Amino acid sequence: MPFILTPMVNILIGYVATVVLNIIPSPAIGVPWTTPGPLIPFLATGGNWLALIVGLVCLAVSVLIYLPFVIASNRVLEKENDK
């Protein structure tokens, strides 16, 4: 579930920041796929610092979305190990 939800939420955040609020320019530079996630919007917009902040916000939101699922998975593993 978080594997599908997280990209959708991040795309929505990027869309709102780029098109609706117009606080960051549209990405115009191709960035290699091996670039760390939060740096991609920063480099793709030509070094816009607000784009870096949006990238970090997306990372934080991703962690918050995944966190309950990781905690639940750890609890299940703990119960299986206790048996």
PDB file of N, CA and C in Angstrom:
ATOM      1  N   MET A   1       0.800  -1.200   0.000  1.00  0.00           N
ATOM      2  CA  MET A   1       0.000   0.000   0.000  1.00  0.00           C
ATOM      3  C   MET A   1       0.854   1.282   0.000  1.00  0.00           C
ATOM      4  N   PRO A   2       1.877   1.406   0.860  1.00  0.00           N
ATOM      5  CA  PRO A   2       2.676   2.637   0.822  1.00  0.00           C
ATOM      6  C   PRO A   2       3.474   2.759  -0.476  1.00  0.00           C
ATOM      7  N   PHE A   3       3.751   1.607  -1.104  1.00  0.00           N
ATOM      8  CA  PHE A   3       4.493   1.608  -2.363  1.00  0.00           C
ATOM      9  C   PHE A   3       3.710   2.328  -3.458  1.00  0.00           C
ATOM     10  N   ILE A   4       2.391   2.303  -3.381  1.00  0.00           N
ATOM     11  CA  ILE A   4       1.539   2.975  -4.362  1.00  0.00           C
ATOM     12  C   ILE A   4       1.163   4.374  -3.882  1.00  0.00           C
ATOM     13  N   LEU A   5       0.892   4.528  -2.598  1.00  0.00           N
ATOM     14  CA  LEU A   5       0.437   5.794  -2.042  1.00  0.00           C
ATOM     15  C   LEU A   5       1.524   6.874  -2.042  1.00  0.00           C
ATOM     16  N   THR A   6       2.737   6.503  -1.697  1.00  0.00           N
ATOM     17  CA  THR A   6       3.816   7.479  -1.553  1.00  0.00           C
ATOM     18  C   THR A   6       4.120   8.241  -2.846  1.00  0.00           C
ATOM     19  N   PRO A   7       4.313   7.564  -3.980  1.00  0.00           N
ATOM     20  CA  PRO A   7       4.571   8.342  -5.202  1.00  0.00           C
ATOM     21  C   PRO A   7       3.406   9.260  -5.580  1.00  0.00           C
ATOM     22  N   MET A   8       2.187   8.811  -5.339  1.00  0.00           N
ATOM     23  CA  MET A   8       1.033   9.646  -5.665  1.00  0.00           C
ATOM     24  C   MET A   8       1.035  10.930  -4.829  1.00  0.00           C
ATOM     25  N   VAL A   9       1.324  10.804  -3.552  1.00  0.00           N
ATOM     26  CA  VAL A   9       1.359  11.976  -2.667  1.00  0.00           C
ATOM     27  C   VAL A   9       2.520  12.894  -3.054  1.00  0.00           C
ATOM     28  N   ASN A  10       3.685  12.316  -3.362  1.00  0.00           N
ATOM     29  CA  ASN A  10       4.836  13.132  -3.745  1.00  0.00           C
ATOM     30  C   ASN A  10       4.598  13.866  -5.058  1.00  0.00           C
ATOM     31  N   ILE A  11       3.948  13.210  -6.004  1.00  0.00           N
ATOM     32  CA  ILE A  11       3.619  13.876  -7.265  1.00  0.00           C
ATOM     33  C   ILE A  11       2.658  15.029  -7.009  1.00  0.00           C
ATOM     34  N   LEU A  12       1.711  14.822  -6.135  1.00  0.00           N
ATOM     35  CA  LEU A  12       0.760  15.880  -5.793  1.00  0.00           C
ATOM     36  C   LEU A  12       1.472  17.068  -5.144  1.00  0.00           C
ATOM     37  N   ILE A  13       2.401  16.798  -4.249  1.00  0.00           N
ATOM     38  CA  ILE A  13       3.169  17.873  -3.605  1.00  0.00           C
ATOM     39  C   ILE A  13       3.972  18.643  -4.658  1.00  0.00           C
ATOM     40  N   GLY A  14       4.642  17.925  -5.547  1.00  0.00           N
ATOM     41  CA  GLY A  14       5.415  18.579  -6.601  1.00  0.00           C
ATOM     42  C   GLY A  14       4.550  19.383  -7.546  1.00  0.00           C
ATOM     43  N   TYR A  15       3.384  18.842  -7.883  1.00  0.00           N
ATOM     44  CA  TYR A  15       2.455  19.553  -8.777  1.00  0.00           C
ATOM     45  C   TYR A  15       1.968  20.847  -8.135  1.00  0.00           C
ATOM     46  N   VAL A  16       1.588  20.755  -6.878  1.00  0.00           N
ATOM     47  CA  VAL A  16       1.097  21.949  -6.179  1.00  0.00           C
ATOM     48  C   VAL A  16       2.198  22.999  -6.086  1.00  0.00           C
ATOM     49  N   ALA A  17       3.432  22.577  -5.764  1.00  0.00           N
ATOM     50  CA  ALA A  17       4.533  23.533  -5.630  1.00  0.00           C
ATOM     51  C   ALA A  17       4.918  24.149  -6.970  1.00  0.00           C
ATOM     52  N   THR A  18       4.784  23.382  -8.055  1.00  0.00           N
ATOM     53  CA  THR A  18       5.217  23.865  -9.358  1.00  0.00           C
ATOM     54  C   THR A  18       4.127  24.624 -10.104  1.00  0.00           C
ATOM     55  N   VAL A  19       2.939  24.044 -10.181  1.00  0.00           N
ATOM     56  CA  VAL A  19       1.886  24.609 -11.031  1.00  0.00           C
ATOM     57  C   VAL A  19       0.929  25.505 -10.257  1.00  0.00           C
ATOM     58  N   VAL A  20       0.448  25.023  -9.127  1.00  0.00           N
ATOM     59  CA  VAL A  20      -0.580  25.770  -8.399  1.00  0.00           C
ATOM     60  C   VAL A  20       0.013  26.977  -7.677  1.00  0.00           C
ATOM     61  N   LEU A  21       1.034  26.756  -6.849  1.00  0.00           N
ATOM     62  CA  LEU A  21       1.633  27.855  -6.082  1.00  0.00           C
ATOM     63  C   LEU A  21       2.727  28.591  -6.850  1.00  0.00           C
ATOM     64  N   ASN A  22       3.303  27.951  -7.854  1.00  0.00           N
ATOM     65  CA  ASN A  22       4.350  28.536  -8.692  1.00  0.00           C
ATOM     66  C   ASN A  22       5.548  29.014  -7.860  1.00  0.00           C
ATOM     67  N   ILE A  23       5.919  28.238  -6.831  1.00  0.00           N
ATOM     68  CA  ILE A  23       7.060  28.628  -5.993  1.00  0.00           C
ATOM     69  C   ILE A  23       8.372  28.055  -6.504  1.00  0.00           C
ATOM     70  N   ILE A  24       8.317  27.039  -7.354  1.00  0.00           N
ATOM     71  CA  ILE A  24       9.530  26.508  -7.967  1.00  0.00           C
ATOM     72  C   ILE A  24       9.311  26.429  -9.478  1.00  0.00           C
ATOM     73  N   PRO A  25      10.385  26.608 -10.251  1.00  0.00           N
ATOM     74  CA  PRO A  25      10.237  26.518 -11.704  1.00  0.00           C
ATOM     75  C   PRO A  25      10.069  25.063 -12.146  1.00  0.00           C
ATOM     76  N   SER A  26       9.539  24.889 -13.330  1.00  0.00           N
ATOM     77  CA  SER A  26       9.406  23.544 -13.877  1.00  0.00           C
ATOM     78  C   SER A  26      10.793  22.958 -14.124  1.00  0.00           C
ATOM     79  N   PRO A  27      10.977  21.669 -13.871  1.00  0.00           N
ATOM     80  CA  PRO A  27      12.281  21.045 -14.133  1.00  0.00           C
ATOM     81  C   PRO A  27      12.622  21.145 -15.619  1.00  0.00           C
ATOM     82  N   ALA A  28      13.845  21.555 -15.912  1.00  0.00           N
ATOM     83  CA  ALA A  28      14.257  21.732 -17.300  1.00  0.00           C
ATOM     84  C   ALA A  28      15.540  20.982 -17.627  1.00  0.00           C
ATOM     85  N   ILE A  29      16.163  20.378 -16.641  1.00  0.00           N
ATOM     86  CA  ILE A  29      17.441  19.704 -16.834  1.00  0.00           C
ATOM     87  C   ILE A  29      17.275  18.234 -16.475  1.00  0.00           C
ATOM     88  N   GLY A  30      17.738  17.352 -17.345  1.00  0.00           N
ATOM     89  CA  GLY A  30      17.698  15.920 -17.049  1.00  0.00           C
ATOM     90  C   GLY A  30      18.739  15.570 -16.006  1.00  0.00           C
ATOM     91  N   VAL A  31      18.325  14.815 -15.012  1.00  0.00           N
ATOM     92  CA  VAL A  31      19.210  14.425 -13.918  1.00  0.00           C
ATOM     93  C   VAL A  31      19.364  12.910 -13.959  1.00  0.00           C
ATOM     94  N   PRO A  32      20.583  12.389 -13.807  1.00  0.00           N
ATOM     95  CA  PRO A  32      20.765  10.928 -13.829  1.00  0.00           C
ATOM     96  C   PRO A  32      19.931  10.247 -12.752  1.00  0.00           C
ATOM     97  N   TRP A  33      19.464   9.048 -13.042  1.00  0.00           N
ATOM     98  CA  TRP A  33      18.592   8.332 -12.116  1.00  0.00           C
ATOM     99  C   TRP A  33      19.318   7.927 -10.841  1.00  0.00           C
ATOM    100  N   THR A  34      20.627   7.947 -10.842  1.00  0.00           N
ATOM    101  CA  THR A  34      21.384   7.548  -9.649  1.00  0.00           C
ATOM    102  C   THR A  34      21.557   8.688  -8.647  1.00  0.00           C
ATOM    103  N   THR A  35      21.029   9.857  -8.968  1.00  0.00           N
ATOM    104  CA  THR A  35      21.111  11.008  -8.070  1.00  0.00           C
ATOM    105  C   THR A  35      20.230  10.774  -6.842  1.00  0.00           C
ATOM    106  N   PRO A  36      20.711  11.090  -5.645  1.00  0.00           N
ATOM    107  CA  PRO A  36      19.874  10.936  -4.450  1.00  0.00           C
ATOM    108  C   PRO A  36      18.574  11.737  -4.572  1.00  0.00           C
ATOM    109  N   GLY A  37      17.490  11.162  -4.093  1.00  0.00           N
ATOM    110  CA  GLY A  37      16.144  11.700  -4.258  1.00  0.00           C
ATOM    111  C   GLY A  37      15.944  13.177  -4.011  1.00  0.00           C
ATOM    112  N   PRO A  38      16.284  13.696  -2.829  1.00  0.00           N
ATOM    113  CA  PRO A  38      16.001  15.118  -2.567  1.00  0.00           C
ATOM    114  C   PRO A  38      16.805  16.074  -3.454  1.00  0.00           C
ATOM    115  N   LEU A  39      17.914  15.609  -4.013  1.00  0.00           N
ATOM    116  CA  LEU A  39      18.711  16.488  -4.869  1.00  0.00           C
ATOM    117  C   LEU A  39      18.155  16.604  -6.280  1.00  0.00           C
ATOM    118  N   ILE A  40      17.316  15.672  -6.686  1.00  0.00           N
ATOM    119  CA  ILE A  40      16.802  15.676  -8.057  1.00  0.00           C
ATOM    120  C   ILE A  40      16.060  16.973  -8.380  1.00  0.00           C
ATOM    121  N   PRO A  41      15.077  17.420  -7.573  1.00  0.00           N
ATOM    122  CA  PRO A  41      14.401  18.680  -7.931  1.00  0.00           C
ATOM    123  C   PRO A  41      15.341  19.883  -7.891  1.00  0.00           C
ATOM    124  N   PHE A  42      16.290  19.873  -6.970  1.00  0.00           N
ATOM    125  CA  PHE A  42      17.251  20.983  -6.867  1.00  0.00           C
ATOM    126  C   PHE A  42      18.079  21.098  -8.141  1.00  0.00           C
ATOM    127  N   LEU A  43      18.626  19.988  -8.597  1.00  0.00           N
ATOM    128  CA  LEU A  43      19.457  20.005  -9.798  1.00  0.00           C
ATOM    129  C   LEU A  43      18.626  20.197 -11.067  1.00  0.00           C
ATOM    130  N   ALA A  44      17.432  19.615 -11.118  1.00  0.00           N
ATOM    131  CA  ALA A  44      16.589  19.701 -12.313  1.00  0.00           C
ATOM    132  C   ALA A  44      16.057  21.107 -12.550  1.00  0.00           C
ATOM    133  N   THR A  45      15.976  21.896 -11.501  1.00  0.00           N
ATOM    134  CA  THR A  45      15.491  23.275 -11.653  1.00  0.00           C
ATOM    135  C   THR A  45      16.644  24.271 -11.765  1.00  0.00           C
ATOM    136  N   GLY A  46      17.847  23.781 -11.914  1.00  0.00           N
ATOM    137  CA  GLY A  46      18.989  24.679 -12.077  1.00  0.00           C
ATOM    138  C   GLY A  46      19.506  25.252 -10.776  1.00  0.00           C
ATOM    139  N   GLY A  47      19.263  24.574  -9.663  1.00  0.00           N
ATOM    140  CA  GLY A  47      19.786  25.009  -8.375  1.00  0.00           C
ATOM    141  C   GLY A  47      18.835  25.873  -7.560  1.00  0.00           C
ATOM    142  N   ASN A  48      17.550  25.702  -7.756  1.00  0.00           N
ATOM    143  CA  ASN A  48      16.564  26.455  -6.983  1.00  0.00           C
ATOM    144  C   ASN A  48      16.470  25.870  -5.577  1.00  0.00           C
ATOM    145  N   TRP A  49      16.729  26.707  -4.558  1.00  0.00           N
ATOM    146  CA  TRP A  49      16.751  26.222  -3.178  1.00  0.00           C
ATOM    147  C   TRP A  49      15.370  25.796  -2.682  1.00  0.00           C
ATOM    148  N   LEU A  50      14.328  26.442  -3.163  1.00  0.00           N
ATOM    149  CA  LEU A  50      12.980  26.027  -2.768  1.00  0.00           C
ATOM    150  C   LEU A  50      12.668  24.627  -3.290  1.00  0.00           C
ATOM    151  N   ALA A  51      13.221  24.290  -4.455  1.00  0.00           N
ATOM    152  CA  ALA A  51      13.027  22.944  -4.992  1.00  0.00           C
ATOM    153  C   ALA A  51      13.696  21.913  -4.082  1.00  0.00           C
ATOM    154  N   LEU A  52      14.856  22.249  -3.533  1.00  0.00           N
ATOM    155  CA  LEU A  52      15.516  21.356  -2.579  1.00  0.00           C
ATOM    156  C   LEU A  52      14.651  21.156  -1.346  1.00  0.00           C
ATOM    157  N   ILE A  53      14.041  22.219  -0.860  1.00  0.00           N
ATOM    158  CA  ILE A  53      13.161  22.123   0.309  1.00  0.00           C
ATOM    159  C   ILE A  53      11.947  21.248  -0.013  1.00  0.00           C
ATOM    160  N   VAL A  54      11.376  21.419  -1.203  1.00  0.00           N
ATOM    161  CA  VAL A  54      10.245  20.577  -1.609  1.00  0.00           C
ATOM    162  C   VAL A  54      10.683  19.117  -1.685  1.00  0.00           C
ATOM    163  N   GLY A  55      11.886  18.859  -2.178  1.00  0.00           N
ATOM    164  CA  GLY A  55      12.412  17.496  -2.218  1.00  0.00           C
ATOM    165  C   GLY A  55      12.564  16.903  -0.826  1.00  0.00           C
ATOM    166  N   LEU A  56      13.033  17.708   0.118  1.00  0.00           N
ATOM    167  CA  LEU A  56      13.168  17.235   1.497  1.00  0.00           C
ATOM    168  C   LEU A  56      11.802  17.017   2.150  1.00  0.00           C
ATOM    169  N   VAL A  57      10.840  17.865   1.811  1.00  0.00           N
ATOM    170  CA  VAL A  57       9.473  17.678   2.318  1.00  0.00           C
ATOM    171  C   VAL A  57       8.909  16.363   1.787  1.00  0.00           C
ATOM    172  N   CYS A  58       9.138  16.094   0.513  1.00  0.00           N
ATOM    173  CA  CYS A  58       8.675  14.821  -0.070  1.00  0.00           C
ATOM    174  C   CYS A  58       9.331  13.625   0.625  1.00  0.00           C
ATOM    175  N   LEU A  59      10.605  13.744   0.946  1.00  0.00           N
ATOM    176  CA  LEU A  59      11.281  12.666   1.670  1.00  0.00           C
ATOM    177  C   LEU A  59      10.664  12.470   3.048  1.00  0.00           C
ATOM    178  N   ALA A  60      10.404  13.556   3.759  1.00  0.00           N
ATOM    179  CA  ALA A  60       9.806  13.456   5.093  1.00  0.00           C
ATOM    180  C   ALA A  60       8.401  12.856   5.025  1.00  0.00           C
ATOM    181  N   VAL A  61       7.619  13.265   4.036  1.00  0.00           N
ATOM    182  CA  VAL A  61       6.272  12.713   3.872  1.00  0.00           C
ATOM    183  C   VAL A  61       6.353  11.218   3.553  1.00  0.00           C
ATOM    184  N   SER A  62       7.316  10.842   2.730  1.00  0.00           N
ATOM    185  CA  SER A  62       7.497   9.421   2.398  1.00  0.00           C
ATOM    186  C   SER A  62       7.800   8.598   3.642  1.00  0.00           C
ATOM    187  N   VAL A  63       8.665   9.119   4.490  1.00  0.00           N
ATOM    188  CA  VAL A  63       8.994   8.411   5.729  1.00  0.00           C
ATOM    189  C   VAL A  63       7.759   8.286   6.613  1.00  0.00           C
ATOM    190  N   LEU A  64       6.983   9.344   6.699  1.00  0.00           N
ATOM    191  CA  LEU A  64       5.779   9.310   7.538  1.00  0.00           C
ATOM    192  C   LEU A  64       4.725   8.337   6.995  1.00  0.00           C
ATOM    193  N   ILE A  65       4.665   8.197   5.677  1.00  0.00           N
ATOM    194  CA  ILE A  65       3.710   7.251   5.096  1.00  0.00           C
ATOM    195  C   ILE A  65       4.161   5.816   5.355  1.00  0.00           C
ATOM    196  N   TYR A  66       5.440   5.546   5.207  1.00  0.00           N
ATOM    197  CA  TYR A  66       5.952   4.190   5.381  1.00  0.00           C
ATOM    198  C   TYR A  66       6.035   3.771   6.853  1.00  0.00           C
ATOM    199  N   LEU A  67       6.211   4.712   7.760  1.00  0.00           N
ATOM    200  CA  LEU A  67       6.466   4.410   9.161  1.00  0.00           C
ATOM    201  C   LEU A  67       5.444   3.474   9.814  1.00  0.00           C
ATOM    202  N   PRO A  68       4.139   3.693   9.678  1.00  0.00           N
ATOM    203  CA  PRO A  68       3.202   2.769  10.331  1.00  0.00           C
ATOM    204  C   PRO A  68       3.292   1.345   9.783  1.00  0.00           C
ATOM    205  N   PHE A  69       3.597   1.206   8.508  1.00  0.00           N
ATOM    206  CA  PHE A  69       3.699  -0.119   7.910  1.00  0.00           C
ATOM    207  C   PHE A  69       4.958  -0.845   8.380  1.00  0.00           C
ATOM    208  N   VAL A  70       6.034  -0.112   8.540  1.00  0.00           N
ATOM    209  CA  VAL A  70       7.276  -0.712   9.053  1.00  0.00           C
ATOM    210  C   VAL A  70       7.094  -1.118  10.512  1.00  0.00           C
ATOM    211  N   ILE A  71       6.450  -0.275  11.295  1.00  0.00           N
ATOM    212  CA  ILE A  71       6.205  -0.606  12.704  1.00  0.00           C
ATOM    213  C   ILE A  71       5.319  -1.844  12.813  1.00  0.00           C
ATOM    214  N   ALA A  72       4.265  -1.917  12.013  1.00  0.00           N
ATOM    215  CA  ALA A  72       3.376  -3.085  12.034  1.00  0.00           C
ATOM    216  C   ALA A  72       4.128  -4.342  11.613  1.00  0.00           C
ATOM    217  N   SER A  73       4.973  -4.228  10.614  1.00  0.00           N
ATOM    218  CA  SER A  73       5.757  -5.377  10.164  1.00  0.00           C
ATOM    219  C   SER A  73       6.708  -5.854  11.262  1.00  0.00           C
ATOM    220  N   ASN A  74       7.334  -4.918  11.958  1.00  0.00           N
ATOM    221  CA  ASN A  74       8.243  -5.286  13.048  1.00  0.00           C
ATOM    222  C   ASN A  74       7.494  -5.979  14.180  1.00  0.00           C
ATOM    223  N   ARG A  75       6.290  -5.521  14.480  1.00  0.00           N
ATOM    224  CA  ARG A  75       5.504  -6.165  15.538  1.00  0.00           C
ATOM    225  C   ARG A  75       5.139  -7.595  15.160  1.00  0.00           C
ATOM    226  N   VAL A  76       4.767  -7.811  13.904  1.00  0.00           N
ATOM    227  CA  VAL A  76       4.442  -9.163  13.448  1.00  0.00           C
ATOM    228  C   VAL A  76       5.671 -10.059  13.541  1.00  0.00           C
ATOM    229  N   LEU A  77       6.819  -9.555  13.143  1.00  0.00           N
ATOM    230  CA  LEU A  77       8.048 -10.351  13.223  1.00  0.00           C
ATOM    231  C   LEU A  77       8.423 -10.668  14.665  1.00  0.00           C
ATOM    232  N   GLU A  78       8.211  -9.716  15.568  1.00  0.00           N
ATOM    233  CA  GLU A  78       8.491  -9.964  16.980  1.00  0.00           C
ATOM    234  C   GLU A  78       7.590 -11.062  17.533  1.00  0.00           C
ATOM    235  N   LYS A  79       6.312 -11.034  17.165  1.00  0.00           N
ATOM    236  CA  LYS A  79       5.381 -12.068  17.636  1.00  0.00           C
ATOM    237  C   LYS A  79       5.741 -13.427  17.070  1.00  0.00           C
ATOM    238  N   GLU A  80       6.197 -13.470  15.812  1.00  0.00           N
ATOM    239  CA  GLU A  80       6.604 -14.744  15.209  1.00  0.00           C
ATOM    240  C   GLU A  80       7.859 -15.287  15.872  1.00  0.00           C
ATOM    241  N   ASN A  81       8.773 -14.412  16.256  1.00  0.00           N
ATOM    242  CA  ASN A  81      10.010 -14.844  16.904  1.00  0.00           C
ATOM    243  C   ASN A  81       9.779 -15.294  18.334  1.00  0.00           C
ATOM    244  N   ASP A  82       8.735 -14.768  18.986  1.00  0.00           N
ATOM    245  CA  ASP A  82       8.447 -15.146  20.360  1.00  0.00           C
ATOM    246  C   ASP A  82       7.855 -16.552  20.446  1.00  0.00           C
ATOM    247  N   LYS A  83       7.286 -17.040  19.374  1.00  0.00           N
ATOM    248  CA  LYS A  83       6.628 -18.372  19.414  1.00  0.00           C
ATOM    249  C   LYS A  83       7.613 -19.478  19.437  1.00  0.00           C
TER     250      LYS A  83
END
